[in-house]
Each structure stands twice: as structure tokens, then as C-alpha cells.
Amino acid sequence: MTTSIGLIGPGAMGLGITHALLRGGFRVLVRDINPERNRLASEAGAVVCEHAAAIAREAEIVITVVVSAAQTREVCFASNGLVETMAPGGVVLMCSTIAPEDTAAIAVDLAARGINMIDAPISGGPARAAAGTMSMMLAGGDGALEKCAAVLATMSDKRFVISPTPGDGSKMKLVNNLMAGINVAAGAEAFSLGIKAGLDPKKIYEVVMASSGQSWMVADRMKRIIEGDRSVTAAAAIITKDVGLALDMAQTLKFPLPIGGQAHQVFLSTLALGHALEDDNAVIRYYQALTGIPLP
């Protein structure tokens, strides 16, 4: 019998996960507030359901890939939410990047209804999600992790168990995304300086990628800038939100983040210029607005 897995939020990453699960032989039940995302998931072979409760009625494991803590709570606890129909012992695999305290609170509220939660942030982009090669940071009990073992193995070949405590996965994701955001902002700044100095952007890329300035984020984001590729793999608004969450965590810990704070301001400026829904590499357009550098 084919195992049914639920997935709420087949957006950029969620649709990739849907593809990976379908290829792994699972029956995938999906729901999104955007009809276009439902259509794409259906075309891939998923079953579109009317609401979260309809998914949880058939699936013991439901993956949530929504934007915020508020959306996660709505999916779980609102009318026609997961808790209305999910059987005790079911698992919510929460893949969103939200504040650790929100993650922990949602886990407590689910546990009160007999439902387990794995705090399971993801990283790697839509292509790696679809290939089943993204990274996952997992925080949850051994029983829930064992129950989800086959699903997790299909979703990711880089799975890191952080602790048994939901919230710790979210903390790890914020550390990672802080580094990612700083790298994108720093890469855009350095590339912009080189362009302003009259250097060929392709040569800048070749040299940096073969030298000490390279990073995965700079390699991915600046390559698409040079090629004039305006596709969106991660929206500027999302990285701004994530770096902001890292700053909030640092403030709670009374820990200084001067570099992260500067990167956040650059991203906020990028959003203010109207690039919120563009790829996060649009941060280079902030420097273009300041200096008039030519871009593809």
C-alpha cells in the first residue's frame, strides 16, 4: 500500500519536495492558498486537497513549508486545520524558518493534542529540494524521527539531528541563514566595487570563485546576475526576514551582531527600492541605485 504524505505550501521549496516525494513512491496530498501552486503540484502528480484537515485525515505525516509562524499556527490550529483530524501519534514536519520560541510554543500546543512535531528547517534551494539533496536541521524526539525516517531520507541526503528539543533546529537555521545573508550582501558589495572600478564582471567571478573570496552563496547568486537571470530561487523579502530573526535571537541573548545588522540594513534598503519579490541577489541593485554601475 502506498504511504500518503501531506505537504502544505508547495511553493518554491515545497514543490521541489513534492517532486522528490513522488519520485520516492509516496502519495502526496497538498494544499496551498495560491491556486497556481496547487495546479503545478497537481500536474506533478500530487493530490490537491480542500484544506489541511482533509490532508491530515489521510496522512500521519504532514510537512509544512509556509512562510511564517502565524501561517504555521493557522495551518495547524485554525478551522479545518491539521489538529481537527490528525490522529494521535501523527507528526508535523515543520520546515519553515521561524523564531525558535515560536517553534517551541507550537510544538507544545501540538503535543497537548497528542501530535508530535519535528522542527525541520531546510536549506539548499528549489533544485536541491526536487533532487532530494537539500540540507535539513532536525530537532525532535527519537520516536518521531524514526517514524519519518523514510520520508526524511527521500527529502534530504544531508540530515543533521541537532537535539530532541523543537526550537533548536530553528536556532541552527538562523545561524546558517545569517551567514548566507552576510555572504550575499558582501558578495554584491565586492562585485559592485569591481564593476565600478571598470573590471569585467565575468572576470571578477572567475577570480573570486578560484580564490579565497568564494562562497556557495556568492557563486550561485552572482553567477545569475552576470547571466542576466532574473529567476527567483529565494525572495529578497525572505532573506531579510530570516536575517531579522537572527538579530532578534541575538538581542534575546544580548549578543552583538554588527555585521549581521549591517547586512540587514542593506536588505531593508533593497526592499525599500521595490525588489522585495525578486531574488535575494537583487541586493546588488541597491548598489546600482547608489553608484550607477551597469548590470546585465
C-alpha atoms as a PDB file:
ATOM      1  CA  MET A   1       0.000   0.000   0.000  1.00  0.00           C
ATOM      2  CA  THR A   2       1.378   3.426  -0.958  1.00  0.00           C
ATOM      3  CA  THR A   3       2.024   5.686   2.026  1.00  0.00           C
ATOM      4  CA  SER A   4       0.249   9.049   1.931  1.00  0.00           C
ATOM      5  CA  ILE A   5       2.268  12.098   2.968  1.00  0.00           C
ATOM      6  CA  GLY A   6       0.799  15.570   3.381  1.00  0.00           C
ATOM      7  CA  LEU A   7       2.508  18.763   2.285  1.00  0.00           C
ATOM      8  CA  ILE A   8       1.147  22.231   2.947  1.00  0.00           C
ATOM      9  CA  GLY A   9       2.803  25.002   0.959  1.00  0.00           C
ATOM     10  CA  PRO A  10       4.057  23.716  -2.420  1.00  0.00           C
ATOM     11  CA  GLY A  11       5.884  26.961  -3.131  1.00  0.00           C
ATOM     12  CA  ALA A  12       9.435  27.134  -4.451  1.00  0.00           C
ATOM     13  CA  MET A  13      10.844  24.677  -1.909  1.00  0.00           C
ATOM     14  CA  GLY A  14       7.602  22.840  -1.196  1.00  0.00           C
ATOM     15  CA  LEU A  15       7.026  21.988  -4.856  1.00  0.00           C
ATOM     16  CA  GLY A  16      10.566  20.655  -5.058  1.00  0.00           C
ATOM     17  CA  ILE A  17       9.906  18.452  -2.026  1.00  0.00           C
ATOM     18  CA  THR A  18       6.679  17.283  -3.671  1.00  0.00           C
ATOM     19  CA  HIS A  19       8.639  16.148  -6.725  1.00  0.00           C
ATOM     20  CA  ALA A  20      11.162  14.290  -4.556  1.00  0.00           C
ATOM     21  CA  LEU A  21       8.444  12.502  -2.568  1.00  0.00           C
ATOM     22  CA  LEU A  22       6.534  11.498  -5.690  1.00  0.00           C
ATOM     23  CA  ARG A  23       9.705  10.140  -7.227  1.00  0.00           C
ATOM     24  CA  GLY A  24      10.282   8.231  -3.976  1.00  0.00           C
ATOM     25  CA  GLY A  25       6.968   6.417  -4.404  1.00  0.00           C
ATOM     26  CA  PHE A  26       4.826   8.316  -1.900  1.00  0.00           C
ATOM     27  CA  ARG A  27       1.293   9.510  -2.499  1.00  0.00           C
ATOM     28  CA  VAL A  28       1.468  13.251  -1.813  1.00  0.00           C
ATOM     29  CA  LEU A  29      -1.521  15.293  -0.648  1.00  0.00           C
ATOM     30  CA  VAL A  30      -1.018  19.061  -0.985  1.00  0.00           C
ATOM     31  CA  ARG A  31      -2.665  22.372  -0.242  1.00  0.00           C
ATOM     32  CA  ASP A  32      -1.653  25.970  -0.940  1.00  0.00           C
ATOM     33  CA  ILE A  33      -3.511  29.284  -0.700  1.00  0.00           C
ATOM     34  CA  ASN A  34      -2.259  30.053  -4.219  1.00  0.00           C
ATOM     35  CA  PRO A  35      -4.263  28.151  -6.883  1.00  0.00           C
ATOM     36  CA  GLU A  36      -1.300  28.285  -9.271  1.00  0.00           C
ATOM     37  CA  ARG A  37       0.875  26.348  -6.824  1.00  0.00           C
ATOM     38  CA  ASN A  38      -1.898  23.768  -6.439  1.00  0.00           C
ATOM     39  CA  ARG A  39      -2.062  23.458 -10.221  1.00  0.00           C
ATOM     40  CA  LEU A  40       1.689  22.890 -10.511  1.00  0.00           C
ATOM     41  CA  ALA A  41       1.612  20.284  -7.756  1.00  0.00           C
ATOM     42  CA  SER A  42      -1.313  18.519  -9.410  1.00  0.00           C
ATOM     43  CA  GLU A  43       0.499  18.439 -12.743  1.00  0.00           C
ATOM     44  CA  ALA A  44       3.454  16.826 -10.979  1.00  0.00           C
ATOM     45  CA  GLY A  45       1.170  14.047  -9.716  1.00  0.00           C
ATOM     46  CA  ALA A  46       0.117  15.235  -6.259  1.00  0.00           C
ATOM     47  CA  VAL A  47      -3.467  15.198  -4.984  1.00  0.00           C
ATOM     48  CA  VAL A  48      -4.781  18.686  -4.160  1.00  0.00           C
ATOM     49  CA  CYS A  49      -6.973  18.781  -1.044  1.00  0.00           C
ATOM     50  CA  GLU A  50      -9.545  21.344   0.054  1.00  0.00           C
ATOM     51  CA  HIS A  51      -7.863  22.172   3.371  1.00  0.00           C
ATOM     52  CA  ALA A  52      -5.323  20.968   5.915  1.00  0.00           C
ATOM     53  CA  ALA A  53      -7.858  18.854   7.805  1.00  0.00           C
ATOM     54  CA  ALA A  54      -8.572  16.851   4.654  1.00  0.00           C
ATOM     55  CA  ILE A  55      -4.857  16.124   4.341  1.00  0.00           C
ATOM     56  CA  ALA A  56      -4.434  15.085   7.985  1.00  0.00           C
ATOM     57  CA  ARG A  57      -7.417  12.749   7.697  1.00  0.00           C
ATOM     58  CA  GLU A  58      -5.358  10.562   5.335  1.00  0.00           C
ATOM     59  CA  ALA A  59      -1.738  11.296   6.242  1.00  0.00           C
ATOM     60  CA  GLU A  60       0.036  10.507   9.514  1.00  0.00           C
ATOM     61  CA  ILE A  61       2.945  12.723   8.487  1.00  0.00           C
ATOM     62  CA  VAL A  62       2.319  16.262   7.245  1.00  0.00           C
ATOM     63  CA  ILE A  63       5.087  18.580   6.064  1.00  0.00           C
ATOM     64  CA  THR A  64       4.509  22.318   6.431  1.00  0.00           C
ATOM     65  CA  VAL A  65       6.525  24.704   4.236  1.00  0.00           C
ATOM     66  CA  VAL A  66       4.853  28.049   4.863  1.00  0.00           C
ATOM     67  CA  VAL A  67       6.381  31.486   5.389  1.00  0.00           C
ATOM     68  CA  SER A  68       5.747  32.473   8.991  1.00  0.00           C
ATOM     69  CA  ALA A  69       4.849  31.350  12.490  1.00  0.00           C
ATOM     70  CA  ALA A  70       1.380  32.853  12.038  1.00  0.00           C
ATOM     71  CA  GLN A  71       0.803  30.775   8.903  1.00  0.00           C
ATOM     72  CA  THR A  72       2.127  27.658  10.670  1.00  0.00           C
ATOM     73  CA  ARG A  73      -0.328  28.216  13.530  1.00  0.00           C
ATOM     74  CA  GLU A  74      -3.173  28.750  11.092  1.00  0.00           C
ATOM     75  CA  VAL A  75      -2.357  25.548   9.224  1.00  0.00           C
ATOM     76  CA  CYS A  76      -2.252  23.606  12.482  1.00  0.00           C
ATOM     77  CA  PHE A  77      -4.946  25.121  14.683  1.00  0.00           C
ATOM     78  CA  ALA A  78      -7.402  27.227  12.645  1.00  0.00           C
ATOM     79  CA  SER A  79     -10.747  25.974  11.375  1.00  0.00           C
ATOM     80  CA  ASN A  80     -10.087  22.984   9.077  1.00  0.00           C
ATOM     81  CA  GLY A  81      -6.547  22.827  10.477  1.00  0.00           C
ATOM     82  CA  LEU A  82      -4.425  19.744  10.972  1.00  0.00           C
ATOM     83  CA  VAL A  83      -5.385  19.135  14.599  1.00  0.00           C
ATOM     84  CA  GLU A  84      -9.048  18.656  13.689  1.00  0.00           C
ATOM     85  CA  THR A  85      -8.392  15.306  12.022  1.00  0.00           C
ATOM     86  CA  MET A  86      -4.802  14.195  12.673  1.00  0.00           C
ATOM     87  CA  ALA A  87      -4.727  11.013  14.724  1.00  0.00           C
ATOM     88  CA  PRO A  88      -2.763  10.946  17.990  1.00  0.00           C
ATOM     89  CA  GLY A  89       0.822   9.975  17.277  1.00  0.00           C
ATOM     90  CA  GLY A  90       0.861  11.834  13.973  1.00  0.00           C
ATOM     91  CA  VAL A  91       3.827  14.009  13.081  1.00  0.00           C
ATOM     92  CA  VAL A  92       4.022  17.558  11.784  1.00  0.00           C
ATOM     93  CA  LEU A  93       7.335  18.064   9.989  1.00  0.00           C
ATOM     94  CA  MET A  94       7.753  21.839  10.278  1.00  0.00           C
ATOM     95  CA  CYS A  95      10.174  23.066   7.599  1.00  0.00           C
ATOM     96  CA  SER A  96       9.610  26.821   7.842  1.00  0.00           C
ATOM     97  CA  THR A  97      12.189  29.307   9.106  1.00  0.00           C
ATOM     98  CA  ILE A  98      10.577  30.969  12.118  1.00  0.00           C
ATOM     99  CA  ALA A  99      11.670  32.223  15.532  1.00  0.00           C
ATOM    100  CA  PRO A 100      12.852  29.407  17.863  1.00  0.00           C
ATOM    101  CA  GLU A 101      10.441  30.462  20.611  1.00  0.00           C
ATOM    102  CA  ASP A 102       7.530  30.231  18.171  1.00  0.00           C
ATOM    103  CA  THR A 103       8.678  26.773  17.094  1.00  0.00           C
ATOM    104  CA  ALA A 104       8.862  25.586  20.702  1.00  0.00           C
ATOM    105  CA  ALA A 105       5.427  27.007  21.523  1.00  0.00           C
ATOM    106  CA  ILE A 106       3.774  25.373  18.503  1.00  0.00           C
ATOM    107  CA  ALA A 107       5.381  22.046  19.445  1.00  0.00           C
ATOM    108  CA  VAL A 108       3.936  22.319  22.972  1.00  0.00           C
ATOM    109  CA  ASP A 109       0.463  23.104  21.647  1.00  0.00           C
ATOM    110  CA  LEU A 110       0.596  20.179  19.217  1.00  0.00           C
ATOM    111  CA  ALA A 111       1.835  17.833  21.954  1.00  0.00           C
ATOM    112  CA  ALA A 112      -1.181  18.799  24.059  1.00  0.00           C
ATOM    113  CA  ARG A 113      -3.292  17.239  21.296  1.00  0.00           C
ATOM    114  CA  GLY A 114      -1.151  14.097  21.082  1.00  0.00           C
ATOM    115  CA  ILE A 115       0.674  15.224  17.932  1.00  0.00           C
ATOM    116  CA  ASN A 116       4.463  15.206  17.587  1.00  0.00           C
ATOM    117  CA  MET A 117       6.414  17.923  15.849  1.00  0.00           C
ATOM    118  CA  ILE A 118       9.848  17.752  14.278  1.00  0.00           C
ATOM    119  CA  ASP A 119      11.494  21.146  13.940  1.00  0.00           C
ATOM    120  CA  ALA A 120      12.996  20.593  10.485  1.00  0.00           C
ATOM    121  CA  PRO A 121      14.251  23.728   8.695  1.00  0.00           C
ATOM    122  CA  ILE A 122      15.583  23.187   5.188  1.00  0.00           C
ATOM    123  CA  SER A 123      18.325  24.731   3.054  1.00  0.00           C
ATOM    124  CA  GLY A 124      19.630  24.376  -0.476  1.00  0.00           C
ATOM    125  CA  GLY A 125      17.173  25.916  -2.914  1.00  0.00           C
ATOM    126  CA  PRO A 126      14.389  24.504  -5.124  1.00  0.00           C
ATOM    127  CA  ALA A 127      16.638  22.404  -7.375  1.00  0.00           C
ATOM    128  CA  ARG A 128      18.183  20.541  -4.452  1.00  0.00           C
ATOM    129  CA  ALA A 129      14.748  20.153  -2.850  1.00  0.00           C
ATOM    130  CA  ALA A 130      13.497  18.471  -6.022  1.00  0.00           C
ATOM    131  CA  ALA A 131      16.604  16.281  -6.216  1.00  0.00           C
ATOM    132  CA  GLY A 132      16.299  15.207  -2.574  1.00  0.00           C
ATOM    133  CA  THR A 133      19.737  16.637  -1.810  1.00  0.00           C
ATOM    134  CA  MET A 134      18.901  19.640   0.364  1.00  0.00           C
ATOM    135  CA  SER A 135      20.099  20.020   3.952  1.00  0.00           C
ATOM    136  CA  MET A 136      17.807  19.516   6.946  1.00  0.00           C
ATOM    137  CA  MET A 137      18.350  20.562  10.562  1.00  0.00           C
ATOM    138  CA  LEU A 138      16.242  18.250  12.728  1.00  0.00           C
ATOM    139  CA  ALA A 139      15.104  18.673  16.323  1.00  0.00           C
ATOM    140  CA  GLY A 140      12.588  16.209  17.694  1.00  0.00           C
ATOM    141  CA  GLY A 141      12.061  13.030  19.659  1.00  0.00           C
ATOM    142  CA  ASP A 142      13.534   9.711  18.600  1.00  0.00           C
ATOM    143  CA  GLY A 143      10.117   8.178  18.002  1.00  0.00           C
ATOM    144  CA  ALA A 144       9.011  10.914  15.637  1.00  0.00           C
ATOM    145  CA  LEU A 145      12.334  10.847  13.798  1.00  0.00           C
ATOM    146  CA  GLU A 146      12.105   7.071  13.395  1.00  0.00           C
ATOM    147  CA  LYS A 147       8.533   7.317  12.108  1.00  0.00           C
ATOM    148  CA  CYS A 148       9.636   9.858   9.499  1.00  0.00           C
ATOM    149  CA  ALA A 149      12.908   8.133   8.573  1.00  0.00           C
ATOM    150  CA  ALA A 150      11.869   7.052   5.067  1.00  0.00           C
ATOM    151  CA  VAL A 151      10.334  10.443   4.286  1.00  0.00           C
ATOM    152  CA  LEU A 152      13.392  12.314   5.564  1.00  0.00           C
ATOM    153  CA  ALA A 153      15.730  10.090   3.555  1.00  0.00           C
ATOM    154  CA  THR A 154      13.727  10.869   0.419  1.00  0.00           C
ATOM    155  CA  MET A 155      13.746  14.612   1.098  1.00  0.00           C
ATOM    156  CA  SER A 156      17.395  15.055   2.035  1.00  0.00           C
ATOM    157  CA  ASP A 157      20.802  13.407   1.857  1.00  0.00           C
ATOM    158  CA  LYS A 158      22.248  15.863   4.401  1.00  0.00           C
ATOM    159  CA  ARG A 159      20.299  15.393   7.620  1.00  0.00           C
ATOM    160  CA  PHE A 160      21.649  16.807  10.867  1.00  0.00           C
ATOM    161  CA  VAL A 161      19.974  15.828  14.139  1.00  0.00           C
ATOM    162  CA  ILE A 162      20.539  18.847  16.364  1.00  0.00           C
ATOM    163  CA  SER A 163      18.737  17.786  19.540  1.00  0.00           C
ATOM    164  CA  PRO A 164      15.455  16.284  20.813  1.00  0.00           C
ATOM    165  CA  THR A 165      14.102  19.779  21.523  1.00  0.00           C
ATOM    166  CA  PRO A 166      11.972  21.621  18.930  1.00  0.00           C
ATOM    167  CA  GLY A 167      13.352  25.126  18.591  1.00  0.00           C
ATOM    168  CA  ASP A 168      16.970  24.019  18.320  1.00  0.00           C
ATOM    169  CA  GLY A 169      16.583  23.267  14.618  1.00  0.00           C
ATOM    170  CA  SER A 170      15.266  26.790  14.132  1.00  0.00           C
ATOM    171  CA  LYS A 171      18.229  28.222  16.035  1.00  0.00           C
ATOM    172  CA  MET A 172      20.628  26.336  13.764  1.00  0.00           C
ATOM    173  CA  LYS A 173      18.783  27.538  10.659  1.00  0.00           C
ATOM    174  CA  LEU A 174      19.053  31.152  11.772  1.00  0.00           C
ATOM    175  CA  VAL A 175      22.811  30.742  12.273  1.00  0.00           C
ATOM    176  CA  ASN A 176      23.068  29.331   8.740  1.00  0.00           C
ATOM    177  CA  ASN A 177      20.843  31.988   7.179  1.00  0.00           C
ATOM    178  CA  LEU A 178      22.688  34.781   8.950  1.00  0.00           C
ATOM    179  CA  MET A 179      25.867  33.539   7.270  1.00  0.00           C
ATOM    180  CA  ALA A 180      24.060  33.170   3.942  1.00  0.00           C
ATOM    181  CA  GLY A 181      22.666  36.693   4.111  1.00  0.00           C
ATOM    182  CA  ILE A 182      26.011  38.215   5.045  1.00  0.00           C
ATOM    183  CA  ASN A 183      27.670  36.354   2.165  1.00  0.00           C
ATOM    184  CA  VAL A 184      25.112  37.587  -0.381  1.00  0.00           C
ATOM    185  CA  ALA A 185      25.348  41.184   0.806  1.00  0.00           C
ATOM    186  CA  ALA A 186      29.156  41.095   0.964  1.00  0.00           C
ATOM    187  CA  GLY A 187      29.399  39.458  -2.457  1.00  0.00           C
ATOM    188  CA  ALA A 188      27.125  42.068  -4.020  1.00  0.00           C
ATOM    189  CA  GLU A 189      29.156  44.852  -2.437  1.00  0.00           C
ATOM    190  CA  ALA A 190      32.500  43.476  -3.607  1.00  0.00           C
ATOM    191  CA  PHE A 191      31.250  42.748  -7.125  1.00  0.00           C
ATOM    192  CA  SER A 192      29.781  46.239  -7.325  1.00  0.00           C
ATOM    193  CA  LEU A 193      33.108  47.764  -6.313  1.00  0.00           C
ATOM    194  CA  GLY A 194      34.883  45.777  -9.025  1.00  0.00           C
ATOM    195  CA  ILE A 195      32.351  46.820 -11.665  1.00  0.00           C
ATOM    196  CA  LYS A 196      32.658  50.453 -10.585  1.00  0.00           C
ATOM    197  CA  ALA A 197      36.441  50.146 -10.938  1.00  0.00           C
ATOM    198  CA  GLY A 198      35.980  49.055 -14.556  1.00  0.00           C
ATOM    199  CA  LEU A 199      36.564  45.313 -14.169  1.00  0.00           C
ATOM    200  CA  ASP A 200      34.738  42.761 -16.303  1.00  0.00           C
ATOM    201  CA  PRO A 201      32.061  41.085 -14.070  1.00  0.00           C
ATOM    202  CA  LYS A 202      32.795  37.690 -15.636  1.00  0.00           C
ATOM    203  CA  LYS A 203      36.472  38.044 -14.766  1.00  0.00           C
ATOM    204  CA  ILE A 204      35.582  39.082 -11.207  1.00  0.00           C
ATOM    205  CA  TYR A 205      33.510  35.922 -10.934  1.00  0.00           C
ATOM    206  CA  GLU A 206      36.248  33.669 -12.335  1.00  0.00           C
ATOM    207  CA  VAL A 207      38.892  35.054 -10.000  1.00  0.00           C
ATOM    208  CA  VAL A 208      36.757  35.093  -6.851  1.00  0.00           C
ATOM    209  CA  MET A 209      35.477  31.549  -7.430  1.00  0.00           C
ATOM    210  CA  ALA A 210      39.071  30.296  -7.723  1.00  0.00           C
ATOM    211  CA  SER A 211      40.320  32.313  -4.756  1.00  0.00           C
ATOM    212  CA  SER A 212      39.773  32.980  -1.076  1.00  0.00           C
ATOM    213  CA  GLY A 213      36.706  35.210  -1.570  1.00  0.00           C
ATOM    214  CA  GLN A 214      34.460  32.457  -2.875  1.00  0.00           C
ATOM    215  CA  SER A 215      31.380  31.046  -1.121  1.00  0.00           C
ATOM    216  CA  TRP A 216      28.450  28.931  -2.281  1.00  0.00           C
ATOM    217  CA  MET A 217      26.004  31.822  -1.975  1.00  0.00           C
ATOM    218  CA  VAL A 218      28.223  34.235  -3.895  1.00  0.00           C
ATOM    219  CA  ALA A 219      28.830  31.592  -6.568  1.00  0.00           C
ATOM    220  CA  ASP A 220      25.110  30.957  -7.057  1.00  0.00           C
ATOM    221  CA  ARG A 221      23.773  34.497  -6.730  1.00  0.00           C
ATOM    222  CA  MET A 222      26.431  36.439  -8.631  1.00  0.00           C
ATOM    223  CA  LYS A 223      26.531  33.910 -11.480  1.00  0.00           C
ATOM    224  CA  ARG A 224      22.871  34.617 -12.187  1.00  0.00           C
ATOM    225  CA  ILE A 225      23.445  38.371 -12.002  1.00  0.00           C
ATOM    226  CA  ILE A 226      26.197  38.095 -14.615  1.00  0.00           C
ATOM    227  CA  GLU A 227      23.965  35.951 -16.852  1.00  0.00           C
ATOM    228  CA  GLY A 228      21.047  38.374 -16.531  1.00  0.00           C
ATOM    229  CA  ASP A 229      18.926  35.614 -14.994  1.00  0.00           C
ATOM    230  CA  ARG A 230      16.062  37.219 -13.049  1.00  0.00           C
ATOM    231  CA  SER A 231      14.502  33.944 -11.856  1.00  0.00           C
ATOM    232  CA  VAL A 232      13.627  33.765  -8.158  1.00  0.00           C
ATOM    233  CA  THR A 233      15.044  30.956  -6.046  1.00  0.00           C
ATOM    234  CA  ALA A 234      14.722  32.811  -2.720  1.00  0.00           C
ATOM    235  CA  ALA A 235      12.960  36.158  -2.469  1.00  0.00           C
ATOM    236  CA  ALA A 236      14.733  39.199  -1.065  1.00  0.00           C
ATOM    237  CA  ALA A 237      11.886  39.595   1.430  1.00  0.00           C
ATOM    238  CA  ILE A 238      12.584  36.107   2.808  1.00  0.00           C
ATOM    239  CA  ILE A 239      16.319  36.586   3.450  1.00  0.00           C
ATOM    240  CA  THR A 240      15.503  39.956   5.022  1.00  0.00           C
ATOM    241  CA  LYS A 241      13.026  38.224   7.333  1.00  0.00           C
ATOM    242  CA  ASP A 242      15.499  35.474   8.204  1.00  0.00           C
ATOM    243  CA  VAL A 243      18.396  37.801   8.999  1.00  0.00           C
ATOM    244  CA  GLY A 244      15.961  39.860  11.079  1.00  0.00           C
ATOM    245  CA  LEU A 245      15.022  36.737  13.052  1.00  0.00           C
ATOM    246  CA  ALA A 246      18.724  36.080  13.699  1.00  0.00           C
ATOM    247  CA  LEU A 247      19.063  39.638  15.003  1.00  0.00           C
ATOM    248  CA  ASP A 248      16.061  39.066  17.270  1.00  0.00           C
ATOM    249  CA  MET A 249      17.631  35.878  18.640  1.00  0.00           C
ATOM    250  CA  ALA A 250      20.891  37.729  19.261  1.00  0.00           C
ATOM    251  CA  GLN A 251      19.070  40.532  21.055  1.00  0.00           C
ATOM    252  CA  THR A 252      17.396  37.999  23.351  1.00  0.00           C
ATOM    253  CA  LEU A 253      20.837  36.569  24.137  1.00  0.00           C
ATOM    254  CA  LYS A 254      22.372  40.071  24.444  1.00  0.00           C
ATOM    255  CA  PHE A 255      24.833  39.045  21.743  1.00  0.00           C
ATOM    256  CA  PRO A 256      26.238  41.675  19.333  1.00  0.00           C
ATOM    257  CA  LEU A 257      25.802  41.167  15.587  1.00  0.00           C
ATOM    258  CA  PRO A 258      27.364  44.276  13.982  1.00  0.00           C
ATOM    259  CA  ILE A 259      27.998  42.613  10.604  1.00  0.00           C
ATOM    260  CA  GLY A 260      24.594  40.942  10.541  1.00  0.00           C
ATOM    261  CA  GLY A 261      22.981  44.247  11.429  1.00  0.00           C
ATOM    262  CA  GLN A 262      24.684  45.993   8.523  1.00  0.00           C
ATOM    263  CA  ALA A 263      23.646  43.221   6.126  1.00  0.00           C
ATOM    264  CA  HIS A 264      20.056  43.536   7.350  1.00  0.00           C
ATOM    265  CA  GLN A 265      20.055  47.265   6.658  1.00  0.00           C
ATOM    266  CA  VAL A 266      21.301  46.634   3.111  1.00  0.00           C
ATOM    267  CA  PHE A 267      18.489  44.122   2.550  1.00  0.00           C
ATOM    268  CA  LEU A 268      15.915  46.506   4.019  1.00  0.00           C
ATOM    269  CA  SER A 269      17.174  49.169   1.610  1.00  0.00           C
ATOM    270  CA  THR A 270      16.804  46.682  -1.253  1.00  0.00           C
ATOM    271  CA  LEU A 271      13.185  46.082  -0.245  1.00  0.00           C
ATOM    272  CA  ALA A 272      12.564  49.824   0.020  1.00  0.00           C
ATOM    273  CA  LEU A 273      13.683  50.161  -3.605  1.00  0.00           C
ATOM    274  CA  GLY A 274      10.901  47.779  -4.650  1.00  0.00           C
ATOM    275  CA  HIS A 275      12.809  44.494  -5.011  1.00  0.00           C
ATOM    276  CA  ALA A 276      11.060  42.503  -2.253  1.00  0.00           C
ATOM    277  CA  LEU A 277       9.672  39.798  -4.556  1.00  0.00           C
ATOM    278  CA  GLU A 278      12.822  39.499  -6.680  1.00  0.00           C
ATOM    279  CA  ASP A 279      15.601  37.038  -5.932  1.00  0.00           C
ATOM    280  CA  ASP A 280      17.756  37.948  -2.945  1.00  0.00           C
ATOM    281  CA  ASN A 281      20.632  38.672  -5.338  1.00  0.00           C
ATOM    282  CA  ALA A 282      18.683  41.866  -6.127  1.00  0.00           C
ATOM    283  CA  VAL A 283      20.703  43.317  -3.250  1.00  0.00           C
ATOM    284  CA  ILE A 284      23.247  44.258  -5.935  1.00  0.00           C
ATOM    285  CA  ARG A 285      20.608  46.608  -7.376  1.00  0.00           C
ATOM    286  CA  TYR A 286      20.825  48.608  -4.163  1.00  0.00           C
ATOM    287  CA  TYR A 287      24.481  49.285  -5.010  1.00  0.00           C
ATOM    288  CA  GLN A 288      23.482  50.002  -8.600  1.00  0.00           C
ATOM    289  CA  ALA A 289      20.997  52.604  -7.336  1.00  0.00           C
ATOM    290  CA  LEU A 290      23.717  54.215  -5.209  1.00  0.00           C
ATOM    291  CA  THR A 291      26.519  54.217  -7.774  1.00  0.00           C
ATOM    292  CA  GLY A 292      25.005  53.801 -11.238  1.00  0.00           C
ATOM    293  CA  ILE A 293      27.050  50.706 -12.073  1.00  0.00           C
ATOM    294  CA  PRO A 294      25.942  48.835 -15.220  1.00  0.00           C
ATOM    295  CA  LEU A 295      24.399  45.396 -14.729  1.00  0.00           C
ATOM    296  CA  PRO A 296      23.233  42.813 -17.267  1.00  0.00           C
END
